[in-house]
């Protein structure tokens, strides 16, 4: 079965392949900002 598509933007994590790769927490915060919602709203 094909899983349903995400409604969220497909953001590229910052710093992939470097020692300075973005944390999951940082990614979620940035994703919420891109959608103009709070991190809490995104998570819930």
ModelCIF file with pLDDT and N, C-alpha, C, O atoms, coordinates in Angstrom:
data_MODEL
#
_entry.id   MODEL 
#
_entity.id                         1 
_entity.type                       polymer 
_entity.pdbx_number_of_molecules   1 
#
_entity_poly.entity_id                      1 
_entity_poly.type                           'polypeptide(L)' 
_entity_poly.nstd_linkage                   no 
_entity_poly.nstd_monomer                   no 
_entity_poly.pdbx_seq_one_letter_code       
;(UNK)(UNK)(UNK)(UNK)(UNK)(UNK)(UNK)(UNK)(UNK)(UNK)(UNK)(UNK)(UNK)(UNK)(UNK)(UNK)
(UNK)(UNK)(UNK)(UNK)(UNK)(UNK)(UNK)(UNK)(UNK)(UNK)(UNK)(UNK)(UNK)(UNK)(UNK)(UNK)
(UNK)(UNK)(UNK)(UNK)(UNK)(UNK)(UNK)(UNK)(UNK)(UNK)(UNK)(UNK)
;
_entity_poly.pdbx_seq_one_letter_code_can   XXXXXXXXXXXXXXXXXXXXXXXXXXXXXXXXXXXXXXXXXXXX 
_entity_poly.pdbx_strand_id                 A 
#
loop_
_entity_poly_seq.entity_id 
_entity_poly_seq.num 
_entity_poly_seq.mon_id 
_entity_poly_seq.hetero 
1 1  UNK n 
1 2  UNK n 
1 3  UNK n 
1 4  UNK n 
1 5  UNK n 
1 6  UNK n 
1 7  UNK n 
1 8  UNK n 
1 9  UNK n 
1 10 UNK n 
1 11 UNK n 
1 12 UNK n 
1 13 UNK n 
1 14 UNK n 
1 15 UNK n 
1 16 UNK n 
1 17 UNK n 
1 18 UNK n 
1 19 UNK n 
1 20 UNK n 
1 21 UNK n 
1 22 UNK n 
1 23 UNK n 
1 24 UNK n 
1 25 UNK n 
1 26 UNK n 
1 27 UNK n 
1 28 UNK n 
1 29 UNK n 
1 30 UNK n 
1 31 UNK n 
1 32 UNK n 
1 33 UNK n 
1 34 UNK n 
1 35 UNK n 
1 36 UNK n 
1 37 UNK n 
1 38 UNK n 
1 39 UNK n 
1 40 UNK n 
1 41 UNK n 
1 42 UNK n 
1 43 UNK n 
1 44 UNK n 
#
_struct_asym.id          A 
_struct_asym.entity_id   1 
#
loop_
_ma_qa_metric.id 
_ma_qa_metric.mode 
_ma_qa_metric.name 
_ma_qa_metric.software_group_id 
_ma_qa_metric.type 
1 global pLDDT . pLDDT 
2 local  pLDDT . pLDDT 
#
_ma_qa_metric_global.metric_id      1 
_ma_qa_metric_global.metric_value   91.23 
_ma_qa_metric_global.model_id       1 
_ma_qa_metric_global.ordinal_id     1 
#
loop_
_ma_qa_metric_local.label_asym_id 
_ma_qa_metric_local.label_comp_id 
_ma_qa_metric_local.label_seq_id 
_ma_qa_metric_local.metric_id 
_ma_qa_metric_local.metric_value 
_ma_qa_metric_local.model_id 
_ma_qa_metric_local.ordinal_id 
A UNK 1  2 78.00 1 1  
A UNK 2  2 75.00 1 2  
A UNK 3  2 71.00 1 3  
A UNK 4  2 75.00 1 4  
A UNK 5  2 77.00 1 5  
A UNK 6  2 79.00 1 6  
A UNK 7  2 84.00 1 7  
A UNK 8  2 87.00 1 8  
A UNK 9  2 87.00 1 9  
A UNK 10 2 88.00 1 10 
A UNK 11 2 91.00 1 11 
A UNK 12 2 92.00 1 12 
A UNK 13 2 93.00 1 13 
A UNK 14 2 94.00 1 14 
A UNK 15 2 95.00 1 15 
A UNK 16 2 93.00 1 16 
A UNK 17 2 92.00 1 17 
A UNK 18 2 94.00 1 18 
A UNK 19 2 93.00 1 19 
A UNK 20 2 94.00 1 20 
A UNK 21 2 95.00 1 21 
A UNK 22 2 95.00 1 22 
A UNK 23 2 95.00 1 23 
A UNK 24 2 94.00 1 24 
A UNK 25 2 96.00 1 25 
A UNK 26 2 96.00 1 26 
A UNK 27 2 95.00 1 27 
A UNK 28 2 95.00 1 28 
A UNK 29 2 96.00 1 29 
A UNK 30 2 96.00 1 30 
A UNK 31 2 94.00 1 31 
A UNK 32 2 96.00 1 32 
A UNK 33 2 95.00 1 33 
A UNK 34 2 94.00 1 34 
A UNK 35 2 94.00 1 35 
A UNK 36 2 95.00 1 36 
A UNK 37 2 95.00 1 37 
A UNK 38 2 97.00 1 38 
A UNK 39 2 96.00 1 39 
A UNK 40 2 97.00 1 40 
A UNK 41 2 95.00 1 41 
A UNK 42 2 94.00 1 42 
A UNK 43 2 93.00 1 43 
A UNK 44 2 94.00 1 44 
#
loop_
_atom_site.group_PDB 
_atom_site.id 
_atom_site.type_symbol 
_atom_site.label_atom_id 
_atom_site.label_alt_id 
_atom_site.label_comp_id 
_atom_site.label_asym_id 
_atom_site.label_entity_id 
_atom_site.label_seq_id 
_atom_site.pdbx_PDB_ins_code 
_atom_site.Cartn_x 
_atom_site.Cartn_y 
_atom_site.Cartn_z 
_atom_site.occupancy 
_atom_site.B_iso_or_equiv 
_atom_site.pdbx_formal_charge 
_atom_site.auth_seq_id 
_atom_site.auth_comp_id 
_atom_site.auth_asym_id 
_atom_site.auth_atom_id 
_atom_site.pdbx_PDB_model_num 
ATOM 1   N N  . UNK A 1 1  ? 0.831  -1.214 0.000  1.00 78.00 ? 1  UNK A N  1 
ATOM 2   C CA . UNK A 1 1  ? 0.000  0.000  0.000  1.00 78.00 ? 1  UNK A CA 1 
ATOM 3   C C  . UNK A 1 1  ? 0.863  1.261  0.000  1.00 78.00 ? 1  UNK A C  1 
ATOM 4   O O  . UNK A 1 1  ? 1.927  1.304  0.618  1.00 78.00 ? 1  UNK A O  1 
ATOM 5   N N  . UNK A 1 2  ? 0.392  2.258  -0.689 1.00 75.00 ? 2  UNK A N  1 
ATOM 6   C CA . UNK A 1 2  ? 1.091  3.544  -0.745 1.00 75.00 ? 2  UNK A CA 1 
ATOM 7   C C  . UNK A 1 2  ? 0.660  4.355  0.471  1.00 75.00 ? 2  UNK A C  1 
ATOM 8   O O  . UNK A 1 2  ? -0.532 4.598  0.659  1.00 75.00 ? 2  UNK A O  1 
ATOM 9   N N  . UNK A 1 3  ? 1.620  4.777  1.301  1.00 71.00 ? 3  UNK A N  1 
ATOM 10  C CA . UNK A 1 3  ? 1.242  5.568  2.480  1.00 71.00 ? 3  UNK A CA 1 
ATOM 11  C C  . UNK A 1 3  ? 0.703  6.934  2.056  1.00 71.00 ? 3  UNK A C  1 
ATOM 12  O O  . UNK A 1 3  ? 1.069  7.447  0.998  1.00 71.00 ? 3  UNK A O  1 
ATOM 13  N N  . UNK A 1 4  ? -0.166 7.521  2.878  1.00 75.00 ? 4  UNK A N  1 
ATOM 14  C CA . UNK A 1 4  ? -0.690 8.851  2.538  1.00 75.00 ? 4  UNK A CA 1 
ATOM 15  C C  . UNK A 1 4  ? 0.435  9.882  2.516  1.00 75.00 ? 4  UNK A C  1 
ATOM 16  O O  . UNK A 1 4  ? 1.409  9.773  3.261  1.00 75.00 ? 4  UNK A O  1 
ATOM 17  N N  . UNK A 1 5  ? 0.288  10.858 1.673  1.00 77.00 ? 5  UNK A N  1 
ATOM 18  C CA . UNK A 1 5  ? 1.302  11.902 1.534  1.00 77.00 ? 5  UNK A CA 1 
ATOM 19  C C  . UNK A 1 5  ? 1.222  12.884 2.699  1.00 77.00 ? 5  UNK A C  1 
ATOM 20  O O  . UNK A 1 5  ? 0.147  13.135 3.243  1.00 77.00 ? 5  UNK A O  1 
ATOM 21  N N  . UNK A 1 6  ? 2.356  13.425 3.068  1.00 79.00 ? 6  UNK A N  1 
ATOM 22  C CA . UNK A 1 6  ? 2.423  14.402 4.148  1.00 79.00 ? 6  UNK A CA 1 
ATOM 23  C C  . UNK A 1 6  ? 1.913  15.752 3.667  1.00 79.00 ? 6  UNK A C  1 
ATOM 24  O O  . UNK A 1 6  ? 2.095  16.121 2.507  1.00 79.00 ? 6  UNK A O  1 
ATOM 25  N N  . UNK A 1 7  ? 1.284  16.472 4.556  1.00 84.00 ? 7  UNK A N  1 
ATOM 26  C CA . UNK A 1 7  ? 0.851  17.834 4.251  1.00 84.00 ? 7  UNK A CA 1 
ATOM 27  C C  . UNK A 1 7  ? 1.934  18.837 4.596  1.00 84.00 ? 7  UNK A C  1 
ATOM 28  O O  . UNK A 1 7  ? 1.782  20.032 4.343  1.00 84.00 ? 7  UNK A O  1 
ATOM 29  N N  . UNK A 1 8  ? 3.030  18.356 5.173  1.00 87.00 ? 8  UNK A N  1 
ATOM 30  C CA . UNK A 1 8  ? 4.112  19.236 5.615  1.00 87.00 ? 8  UNK A CA 1 
ATOM 31  C C  . UNK A 1 8  ? 5.130  19.444 4.504  1.00 87.00 ? 8  UNK A C  1 
ATOM 32  O O  . UNK A 1 8  ? 5.298  18.596 3.628  1.00 87.00 ? 8  UNK A O  1 
ATOM 33  N N  . UNK A 1 9  ? 5.804  20.581 4.554  1.00 87.00 ? 9  UNK A N  1 
ATOM 34  C CA . UNK A 1 9  ? 6.856  20.871 3.585  1.00 87.00 ? 9  UNK A CA 1 
ATOM 35  C C  . UNK A 1 9  ? 8.004  19.876 3.736  1.00 87.00 ? 9  UNK A C  1 
ATOM 36  O O  . UNK A 1 9  ? 8.273  19.387 4.833  1.00 87.00 ? 9  UNK A O  1 
ATOM 37  N N  . UNK A 1 10 ? 8.660  19.590 2.649  1.00 88.00 ? 10 UNK A N  1 
ATOM 38  C CA . UNK A 1 10 ? 9.808  18.698 2.654  1.00 88.00 ? 10 UNK A CA 1 
ATOM 39  C C  . UNK A 1 10 ? 11.074 19.546 2.793  1.00 88.00 ? 10 UNK A C  1 
ATOM 40  O O  . UNK A 1 10 ? 11.722 19.877 1.800  1.00 88.00 ? 10 UNK A O  1 
ATOM 41  N N  . UNK A 1 11 ? 11.414 19.891 4.030  1.00 91.00 ? 11 UNK A N  1 
ATOM 42  C CA . UNK A 1 11 ? 12.601 20.711 4.283  1.00 91.00 ? 11 UNK A CA 1 
ATOM 43  C C  . UNK A 1 11 ? 13.840 19.826 4.351  1.00 91.00 ? 11 UNK A C  1 
ATOM 44  O O  . UNK A 1 11 ? 13.814 18.747 4.943  1.00 91.00 ? 11 UNK A O  1 
ATOM 45  N N  . UNK A 1 12 ? 14.902 20.286 3.750  1.00 92.00 ? 12 UNK A N  1 
ATOM 46  C CA . UNK A 1 12 ? 16.183 19.587 3.825  1.00 92.00 ? 12 UNK A CA 1 
ATOM 47  C C  . UNK A 1 12 ? 16.842 19.924 5.164  1.00 92.00 ? 12 UNK A C  1 
ATOM 48  O O  . UNK A 1 12 ? 17.006 21.101 5.487  1.00 92.00 ? 12 UNK A O  1 
ATOM 49  N N  . UNK A 1 13 ? 17.220 18.913 5.946  1.00 93.00 ? 13 UNK A N  1 
ATOM 50  C CA . UNK A 1 13 ? 17.927 19.209 7.195  1.00 93.00 ? 13 UNK A CA 1 
ATOM 51  C C  . UNK A 1 13 ? 19.225 19.964 6.918  1.00 93.00 ? 13 UNK A C  1 
ATOM 52  O O  . UNK A 1 13 ? 19.886 19.725 5.908  1.00 93.00 ? 13 UNK A O  1 
ATOM 53  N N  . UNK A 1 14 ? 19.581 20.863 7.810  1.00 94.00 ? 14 UNK A N  1 
ATOM 54  C CA . UNK A 1 14 ? 20.782 21.686 7.649  1.00 94.00 ? 14 UNK A CA 1 
ATOM 55  C C  . UNK A 1 14 ? 22.010 20.887 8.073  1.00 94.00 ? 14 UNK A C  1 
ATOM 56  O O  . UNK A 1 14 ? 21.989 20.210 9.101  1.00 94.00 ? 14 UNK A O  1 
ATOM 57  N N  . UNK A 1 15 ? 23.066 20.962 7.292  1.00 95.00 ? 15 UNK A N  1 
ATOM 58  C CA . UNK A 1 15 ? 24.361 20.404 7.664  1.00 95.00 ? 15 UNK A CA 1 
ATOM 59  C C  . UNK A 1 15 ? 24.532 18.907 7.478  1.00 95.00 ? 15 UNK A C  1 
ATOM 60  O O  . UNK A 1 15 ? 25.403 18.313 8.112  1.00 95.00 ? 15 UNK A O  1 
ATOM 61  N N  . UNK A 1 16 ? 23.739 18.288 6.640  1.00 93.00 ? 16 UNK A N  1 
ATOM 62  C CA . UNK A 1 16 ? 23.887 16.841 6.429  1.00 93.00 ? 16 UNK A CA 1 
ATOM 63  C C  . UNK A 1 16 ? 25.287 16.549 5.894  1.00 93.00 ? 16 UNK A C  1 
ATOM 64  O O  . UNK A 1 16 ? 25.772 17.229 4.990  1.00 93.00 ? 16 UNK A O  1 
ATOM 65  N N  . UNK A 1 17 ? 25.923 15.536 6.461  1.00 92.00 ? 17 UNK A N  1 
ATOM 66  C CA . UNK A 1 17 ? 27.259 15.146 6.041  1.00 92.00 ? 17 UNK A CA 1 
ATOM 67  C C  . UNK A 1 17 ? 28.364 15.936 6.721  1.00 92.00 ? 17 UNK A C  1 
ATOM 68  O O  . UNK A 1 17 ? 29.538 15.786 6.382  1.00 92.00 ? 17 UNK A O  1 
ATOM 69  N N  . UNK A 1 18 ? 27.996 16.769 7.672  1.00 94.00 ? 18 UNK A N  1 
ATOM 70  C CA . UNK A 1 18 ? 28.995 17.542 8.413  1.00 94.00 ? 18 UNK A CA 1 
ATOM 71  C C  . UNK A 1 18 ? 28.823 17.273 9.903  1.00 94.00 ? 18 UNK A C  1 
ATOM 72  O O  . UNK A 1 18 ? 27.802 16.723 10.314 1.00 94.00 ? 18 UNK A O  1 
ATOM 73  N N  . UNK A 1 19 ? 29.795 17.649 10.708 1.00 93.00 ? 19 UNK A N  1 
ATOM 74  C CA . UNK A 1 19 ? 29.639 17.483 12.159 1.00 93.00 ? 19 UNK A CA 1 
ATOM 75  C C  . UNK A 1 19 ? 28.590 18.435 12.748 1.00 93.00 ? 19 UNK A C  1 
ATOM 76  O O  . UNK A 1 19 ? 28.244 18.321 13.924 1.00 93.00 ? 19 UNK A O  1 
ATOM 77  N N  . UNK A 1 20 ? 28.091 19.363 11.947 1.00 94.00 ? 20 UNK A N  1 
ATOM 78  C CA . UNK A 1 20 ? 27.161 20.379 12.428 1.00 94.00 ? 20 UNK A CA 1 
ATOM 79  C C  . UNK A 1 20 ? 25.731 20.129 11.950 1.00 94.00 ? 20 UNK A C  1 
ATOM 80  O O  . UNK A 1 20 ? 24.972 21.071 11.726 1.00 94.00 ? 20 UNK A O  1 
ATOM 81  N N  . UNK A 1 21 ? 25.377 18.878 11.799 1.00 95.00 ? 21 UNK A N  1 
ATOM 82  C CA . UNK A 1 21 ? 24.042 18.535 11.314 1.00 95.00 ? 21 UNK A CA 1 
ATOM 83  C C  . UNK A 1 21 ? 22.974 18.998 12.309 1.00 95.00 ? 21 UNK A C  1 
ATOM 84  O O  . UNK A 1 21 ? 23.171 18.945 13.523 1.00 95.00 ? 21 UNK A O  1 
ATOM 85  N N  . UNK A 1 22 ? 21.866 19.443 11.780 1.00 95.00 ? 22 UNK A N  1 
ATOM 86  C CA . UNK A 1 22 ? 20.754 19.953 12.573 1.00 95.00 ? 22 UNK A CA 1 
ATOM 87  C C  . UNK A 1 22 ? 20.137 18.848 13.431 1.00 95.00 ? 22 UNK A C  1 
ATOM 88  O O  . UNK A 1 22 ? 20.007 17.708 12.983 1.00 95.00 ? 22 UNK A O  1 
ATOM 89  N N  . UNK A 1 23 ? 19.762 19.184 14.650 1.00 95.00 ? 23 UNK A N  1 
ATOM 90  C CA . UNK A 1 23 ? 19.121 18.209 15.536 1.00 95.00 ? 23 UNK A CA 1 
ATOM 91  C C  . UNK A 1 23 ? 17.659 18.031 15.131 1.00 95.00 ? 23 UNK A C  1 
ATOM 92  O O  . UNK A 1 23 ? 17.101 18.855 14.407 1.00 95.00 ? 23 UNK A O  1 
ATOM 93  N N  . UNK A 1 24 ? 17.051 16.957 15.601 1.00 94.00 ? 24 UNK A N  1 
ATOM 94  C CA . UNK A 1 24 ? 15.631 16.725 15.332 1.00 94.00 ? 24 UNK A CA 1 
ATOM 95  C C  . UNK A 1 24 ? 14.786 17.845 15.925 1.00 94.00 ? 24 UNK A C  1 
ATOM 96  O O  . UNK A 1 24 ? 13.824 18.303 15.308 1.00 94.00 ? 24 UNK A O  1 
ATOM 97  N N  . UNK A 1 25 ? 15.152 18.282 17.122 1.00 96.00 ? 25 UNK A N  1 
ATOM 98  C CA . UNK A 1 25 ? 14.427 19.382 17.762 1.00 96.00 ? 25 UNK A CA 1 
ATOM 99  C C  . UNK A 1 25 ? 14.500 20.643 16.907 1.00 96.00 ? 25 UNK A C  1 
ATOM 100 O O  . UNK A 1 25 ? 13.487 21.307 16.689 1.00 96.00 ? 25 UNK A O  1 
ATOM 101 N N  . UNK A 1 26 ? 15.689 20.972 16.424 1.00 96.00 ? 26 UNK A N  1 
ATOM 102 C CA . UNK A 1 26 ? 15.853 22.143 15.573 1.00 96.00 ? 26 UNK A CA 1 
ATOM 103 C C  . UNK A 1 26 ? 15.062 22.031 14.289 1.00 96.00 ? 26 UNK A C  1 
ATOM 104 O O  . UNK A 1 26 ? 14.486 23.013 13.820 1.00 96.00 ? 26 UNK A O  1 
ATOM 105 N N  . UNK A 1 27 ? 15.032 20.830 13.714 1.00 95.00 ? 27 UNK A N  1 
ATOM 106 C CA . UNK A 1 27 ? 14.281 20.606 12.478 1.00 95.00 ? 27 UNK A CA 1 
ATOM 107 C C  . UNK A 1 27 ? 12.787 20.823 12.706 1.00 95.00 ? 27 UNK A C  1 
ATOM 108 O O  . UNK A 1 27 ? 12.126 21.479 11.902 1.00 95.00 ? 27 UNK A O  1 
ATOM 109 N N  . UNK A 1 28 ? 12.252 20.274 13.800 1.00 95.00 ? 28 UNK A N  1 
ATOM 110 C CA . UNK A 1 28 ? 10.821 20.415 14.097 1.00 95.00 ? 28 UNK A CA 1 
ATOM 111 C C  . UNK A 1 28 ? 10.461 21.882 14.341 1.00 95.00 ? 28 UNK A C  1 
ATOM 112 O O  . UNK A 1 28 ? 9.413  22.343 13.889 1.00 95.00 ? 28 UNK A O  1 
ATOM 113 N N  . UNK A 1 29 ? 11.307 22.606 15.040 1.00 96.00 ? 29 UNK A N  1 
ATOM 114 C CA . UNK A 1 29 ? 11.068 24.028 15.273 1.00 96.00 ? 29 UNK A CA 1 
ATOM 115 C C  . UNK A 1 29 ? 11.059 24.789 13.951 1.00 96.00 ? 29 UNK A C  1 
ATOM 116 O O  . UNK A 1 29 ? 10.183 25.622 13.717 1.00 96.00 ? 29 UNK A O  1 
ATOM 117 N N  . UNK A 1 30 ? 12.020 24.507 13.100 1.00 96.00 ? 30 UNK A N  1 
ATOM 118 C CA . UNK A 1 30 ? 12.098 25.190 11.801 1.00 96.00 ? 30 UNK A CA 1 
ATOM 119 C C  . UNK A 1 30 ? 10.903 24.838 10.912 1.00 96.00 ? 30 UNK A C  1 
ATOM 120 O O  . UNK A 1 30 ? 10.392 25.691 10.187 1.00 96.00 ? 30 UNK A O  1 
ATOM 121 N N  . UNK A 1 31 ? 10.463 23.584 10.969 1.00 94.00 ? 31 UNK A N  1 
ATOM 122 C CA . UNK A 1 31 ? 9.299  23.150 10.201 1.00 94.00 ? 31 UNK A CA 1 
ATOM 123 C C  . UNK A 1 31 ? 8.040  23.891 10.663 1.00 94.00 ? 31 UNK A C  1 
ATOM 124 O O  . UNK A 1 31 ? 7.236  24.327 9.838  1.00 94.00 ? 31 UNK A O  1 
ATOM 125 N N  . UNK A 1 32 ? 7.874  24.031 11.965 1.00 96.00 ? 32 UNK A N  1 
ATOM 126 C CA . UNK A 1 32 ? 6.732  24.773 12.499 1.00 96.00 ? 32 UNK A CA 1 
ATOM 127 C C  . UNK A 1 32 ? 6.779  26.229 12.032 1.00 96.00 ? 32 UNK A C  1 
ATOM 128 O O  . UNK A 1 32 ? 5.758  26.791 11.638 1.00 96.00 ? 32 UNK A O  1 
ATOM 129 N N  . UNK A 1 33 ? 7.955  26.830 12.078 1.00 95.00 ? 33 UNK A N  1 
ATOM 130 C CA . UNK A 1 33 ? 8.101  28.220 11.633 1.00 95.00 ? 33 UNK A CA 1 
ATOM 131 C C  . UNK A 1 33 ? 7.721  28.374 10.166 1.00 95.00 ? 33 UNK A C  1 
ATOM 132 O O  . UNK A 1 33 ? 7.075  29.355 9.798  1.00 95.00 ? 33 UNK A O  1 
ATOM 133 N N  . UNK A 1 34 ? 8.106  27.430 9.335  1.00 94.00 ? 34 UNK A N  1 
ATOM 134 C CA . UNK A 1 34 ? 7.782  27.494 7.907  1.00 94.00 ? 34 UNK A CA 1 
ATOM 135 C C  . UNK A 1 34 ? 6.278  27.414 7.665  1.00 94.00 ? 34 UNK A C  1 
ATOM 136 O O  . UNK A 1 34 ? 5.777  27.949 6.676  1.00 94.00 ? 34 UNK A O  1 
ATOM 137 N N  . UNK A 1 35 ? 5.560  26.748 8.565  1.00 94.00 ? 35 UNK A N  1 
ATOM 138 C CA . UNK A 1 35 ? 4.106  26.617 8.446  1.00 94.00 ? 35 UNK A CA 1 
ATOM 139 C C  . UNK A 1 35 ? 3.362  27.705 9.222  1.00 94.00 ? 35 UNK A C  1 
ATOM 140 O O  . UNK A 1 35 ? 2.131  27.706 9.269  1.00 94.00 ? 35 UNK A O  1 
ATOM 141 N N  . UNK A 1 36 ? 4.112  28.635 9.831  1.00 95.00 ? 36 UNK A N  1 
ATOM 142 C CA . UNK A 1 36 ? 3.531  29.756 10.592 1.00 95.00 ? 36 UNK A CA 1 
ATOM 143 C C  . UNK A 1 36 ? 2.625  29.272 11.719 1.00 95.00 ? 36 UNK A C  1 
ATOM 144 O O  . UNK A 1 36 ? 1.555  29.831 11.960 1.00 95.00 ? 36 UNK A O  1 
ATOM 145 N N  . UNK A 1 37 ? 3.077  28.217 12.408 1.00 95.00 ? 37 UNK A N  1 
ATOM 146 C CA . UNK A 1 37 ? 2.373  27.706 13.578 1.00 95.00 ? 37 UNK A CA 1 
ATOM 147 C C  . UNK A 1 37 ? 3.392  27.480 14.685 1.00 95.00 ? 37 UNK A C  1 
ATOM 148 O O  . UNK A 1 37 ? 4.598  27.488 14.438 1.00 95.00 ? 37 UNK A O  1 
ATOM 149 N N  . UNK A 1 38 ? 2.909  27.281 15.895 1.00 97.00 ? 38 UNK A N  1 
ATOM 150 C CA . UNK A 1 38 ? 3.828  27.014 16.991 1.00 97.00 ? 38 UNK A CA 1 
ATOM 151 C C  . UNK A 1 38 ? 4.308  25.566 16.921 1.00 97.00 ? 38 UNK A C  1 
ATOM 152 O O  . UNK A 1 38 ? 3.679  24.717 16.289 1.00 97.00 ? 38 UNK A O  1 
ATOM 153 N N  . UNK A 1 39 ? 5.413  25.309 17.571 1.00 96.00 ? 39 UNK A N  1 
ATOM 154 C CA . UNK A 1 39 ? 5.929  23.945 17.627 1.00 96.00 ? 39 UNK A CA 1 
ATOM 155 C C  . UNK A 1 39 ? 4.906  23.040 18.302 1.00 96.00 ? 39 UNK A C  1 
ATOM 156 O O  . UNK A 1 39 ? 4.709  21.899 17.886 1.00 96.00 ? 39 UNK A O  1 
ATOM 157 N N  . UNK A 1 40 ? 4.261  23.548 19.339 1.00 97.00 ? 40 UNK A N  1 
ATOM 158 C CA . UNK A 1 40 ? 3.229  22.780 20.039 1.00 97.00 ? 40 UNK A CA 1 
ATOM 159 C C  . UNK A 1 40 ? 2.093  22.384 19.092 1.00 97.00 ? 40 UNK A C  1 
ATOM 160 O O  . UNK A 1 40 ? 1.656  21.233 19.095 1.00 97.00 ? 40 UNK A O  1 
ATOM 161 N N  . UNK A 1 41 ? 1.614  23.334 18.281 1.00 95.00 ? 41 UNK A N  1 
ATOM 162 C CA . UNK A 1 41 ? 0.547  23.033 17.330 1.00 95.00 ? 41 UNK A CA 1 
ATOM 163 C C  . UNK A 1 41 ? 0.986  21.960 16.329 1.00 95.00 ? 41 UNK A C  1 
ATOM 164 O O  . UNK A 1 41 ? 0.213  21.061 15.999 1.00 95.00 ? 41 UNK A O  1 
ATOM 165 N N  . UNK A 1 42 ? 2.211  22.058 15.854 1.00 94.00 ? 42 UNK A N  1 
ATOM 166 C CA . UNK A 1 42 ? 2.728  21.074 14.909 1.00 94.00 ? 42 UNK A CA 1 
ATOM 167 C C  . UNK A 1 42 ? 2.752  19.690 15.538 1.00 94.00 ? 42 UNK A C  1 
ATOM 168 O O  . UNK A 1 42 ? 2.309  18.718 14.926 1.00 94.00 ? 42 UNK A O  1 
ATOM 169 N N  . UNK A 1 43 ? 3.264  19.600 16.751 1.00 93.00 ? 43 UNK A N  1 
ATOM 170 C CA . UNK A 1 43 ? 3.358  18.310 17.421 1.00 93.00 ? 43 UNK A CA 1 
ATOM 171 C C  . UNK A 1 43 ? 1.984  17.724 17.732 1.00 93.00 ? 43 UNK A C  1 
ATOM 172 O O  . UNK A 1 43 ? 1.746  16.542 17.486 1.00 93.00 ? 43 UNK A O  1 
ATOM 173 N N  . UNK A 1 44 ? 1.082  18.538 18.267 1.00 94.00 ? 44 UNK A N  1 
ATOM 174 C CA . UNK A 1 44 ? -0.229 18.027 18.670 1.00 94.00 ? 44 UNK A CA 1 
ATOM 175 C C  . UNK A 1 44 ? -1.156 17.720 17.488 1.00 94.00 ? 44 UNK A C  1 
ATOM 176 O O  . UNK A 1 44 ? -2.290 17.284 17.689 1.00 94.00 ? 44 UNK A O  1 
#
